[in-house]
Protein backbone atom coordinates (compact mmCIF):
# COMPACT_ATOMS: atom_id res chain seq x y z
CA UNK A 1 0.00 0.00 0.00
CA UNK A 2 2.73 2.40 -1.01
CA UNK A 3 2.26 3.73 -4.54
CA UNK A 4 5.62 5.22 -5.44
CA UNK A 5 4.67 6.57 -8.89
CA UNK A 6 2.25 9.17 -7.55
CA UNK A 7 1.80 12.83 -8.53
CA UNK A 8 1.35 13.99 -4.97
CA UNK A 9 1.23 11.34 -2.21
CA UNK A 10 -0.44 13.68 0.25
CA UNK A 11 -1.63 10.69 2.26
CA UNK A 12 1.97 9.63 2.49
CA UNK A 13 2.99 13.08 3.64
CA UNK A 14 0.40 12.86 6.38
CA UNK A 15 1.87 9.56 7.47
CA UNK A 16 5.43 10.77 7.16
CA UNK A 17 4.71 14.12 8.66
PDB file of N, CA and C in Angstrom:
ATOM      1  N   UNK A   1       0.849  -1.203   0.000  1.00  0.00           N
ATOM      2  CA  UNK A   1       0.000   0.000   0.000  1.00  0.00           C
ATOM      3  C   UNK A   1       0.887   1.256   0.000  1.00  0.00           C
ATOM      4  N   UNK A   2       1.824   1.262  -0.926  1.00  0.00           N
ATOM      5  CA  UNK A   2       2.728   2.403  -1.011  1.00  0.00           C
ATOM      6  C   UNK A   2       3.023   2.717  -2.475  1.00  0.00           C
ATOM      7  N   UNK A   3       2.095   3.377  -3.130  1.00  0.00           N
ATOM      8  CA  UNK A   3       2.256   3.735  -4.543  1.00  0.00           C
ATOM      9  C   UNK A   3       3.356   4.767  -4.747  1.00  0.00           C
ATOM     10  N   UNK A   4       4.497   4.311  -5.202  1.00  0.00           N
ATOM     11  CA  UNK A   4       5.619   5.225  -5.439  1.00  0.00           C
ATOM     12  C   UNK A   4       5.337   6.201  -6.574  1.00  0.00           C
ATOM     13  N   UNK A   5       4.936   5.687  -7.742  1.00  0.00           N
ATOM     14  CA  UNK A   5       4.666   6.575  -8.886  1.00  0.00           C
ATOM     15  C   UNK A   5       3.387   7.377  -8.695  1.00  0.00           C
ATOM     16  N   UNK A   6       3.438   8.358  -7.811  1.00  0.00           N
ATOM     17  CA  UNK A   6       2.249   9.174  -7.546  1.00  0.00           C
ATOM     18  C   UNK A   6       2.572  10.644  -7.773  1.00  0.00           C
ATOM     19  N   UNK A   7       1.621  11.407  -8.264  1.00  0.00           N
ATOM     20  CA  UNK A   7       1.800  12.829  -8.528  1.00  0.00           C
ATOM     21  C   UNK A   7       2.024  13.619  -7.240  1.00  0.00           C
ATOM     22  N   UNK A   8       1.216  13.301  -6.244  1.00  0.00           N
ATOM     23  CA  UNK A   8       1.346  13.994  -4.969  1.00  0.00           C
ATOM     24  C   UNK A   8       0.789  13.115  -3.843  1.00  0.00           C
ATOM     25  N   UNK A   9       1.650  12.244  -3.291  1.00  0.00           N
ATOM     26  CA  UNK A   9       1.234  11.343  -2.208  1.00  0.00           C
ATOM     27  C   UNK A   9       0.966  12.105  -0.926  1.00  0.00           C
ATOM     28  N   UNK A  10      -0.101  12.879  -0.940  1.00  0.00           N
ATOM     29  CA  UNK A  10      -0.444  13.680   0.246  1.00  0.00           C
ATOM     30  C   UNK A  10      -0.724  12.775   1.438  1.00  0.00           C
ATOM     31  N   UNK A  11      -1.333  11.632   1.172  1.00  0.00           N
ATOM     32  CA  UNK A  11      -1.630  10.692   2.258  1.00  0.00           C
ATOM     33  C   UNK A  11      -0.330  10.214   2.887  1.00  0.00           C
ATOM     34  N   UNK A  12       0.678  10.084   2.011  1.00  0.00           N
ATOM     35  CA  UNK A  12       1.973   9.628   2.495  1.00  0.00           C
ATOM     36  C   UNK A  12       2.636  10.726   3.328  1.00  0.00           C
ATOM     37  N   UNK A  13       2.431  11.951   2.907  1.00  0.00           N
ATOM     38  CA  UNK A  13       2.987  13.084   3.640  1.00  0.00           C
ATOM     39  C   UNK A  13       2.375  13.153   5.040  1.00  0.00           C
ATOM     40  N   UNK A  14       1.090  12.829   5.092  1.00  0.00           N
ATOM     41  CA  UNK A  14       0.400  12.858   6.381  1.00  0.00           C
ATOM     42  C   UNK A  14       0.958  11.790   7.316  1.00  0.00           C
ATOM     43  N   UNK A  15       1.323  10.655   6.683  1.00  0.00           N
ATOM     44  CA  UNK A  15       1.872   9.563   7.473  1.00  0.00           C
ATOM     45  C   UNK A  15       3.317   9.852   7.865  1.00  0.00           C
ATOM     46  N   UNK A  16       4.022  10.462   6.912  1.00  0.00           N
ATOM     47  CA  UNK A  16       5.434  10.768   7.158  1.00  0.00           C
ATOM     48  C   UNK A  16       5.589  12.239   7.512  1.00  0.00           C
ATOM     49  N   UNK A  17       4.677  12.712   8.313  1.00  0.00           N
ATOM     50  CA  UNK A  17       4.707  14.121   8.656  1.00  0.00           C
ATOM     51  C   UNK A  17       5.881  14.389   9.610  1.00  0.00           C
TER      52      UNK A  17
END
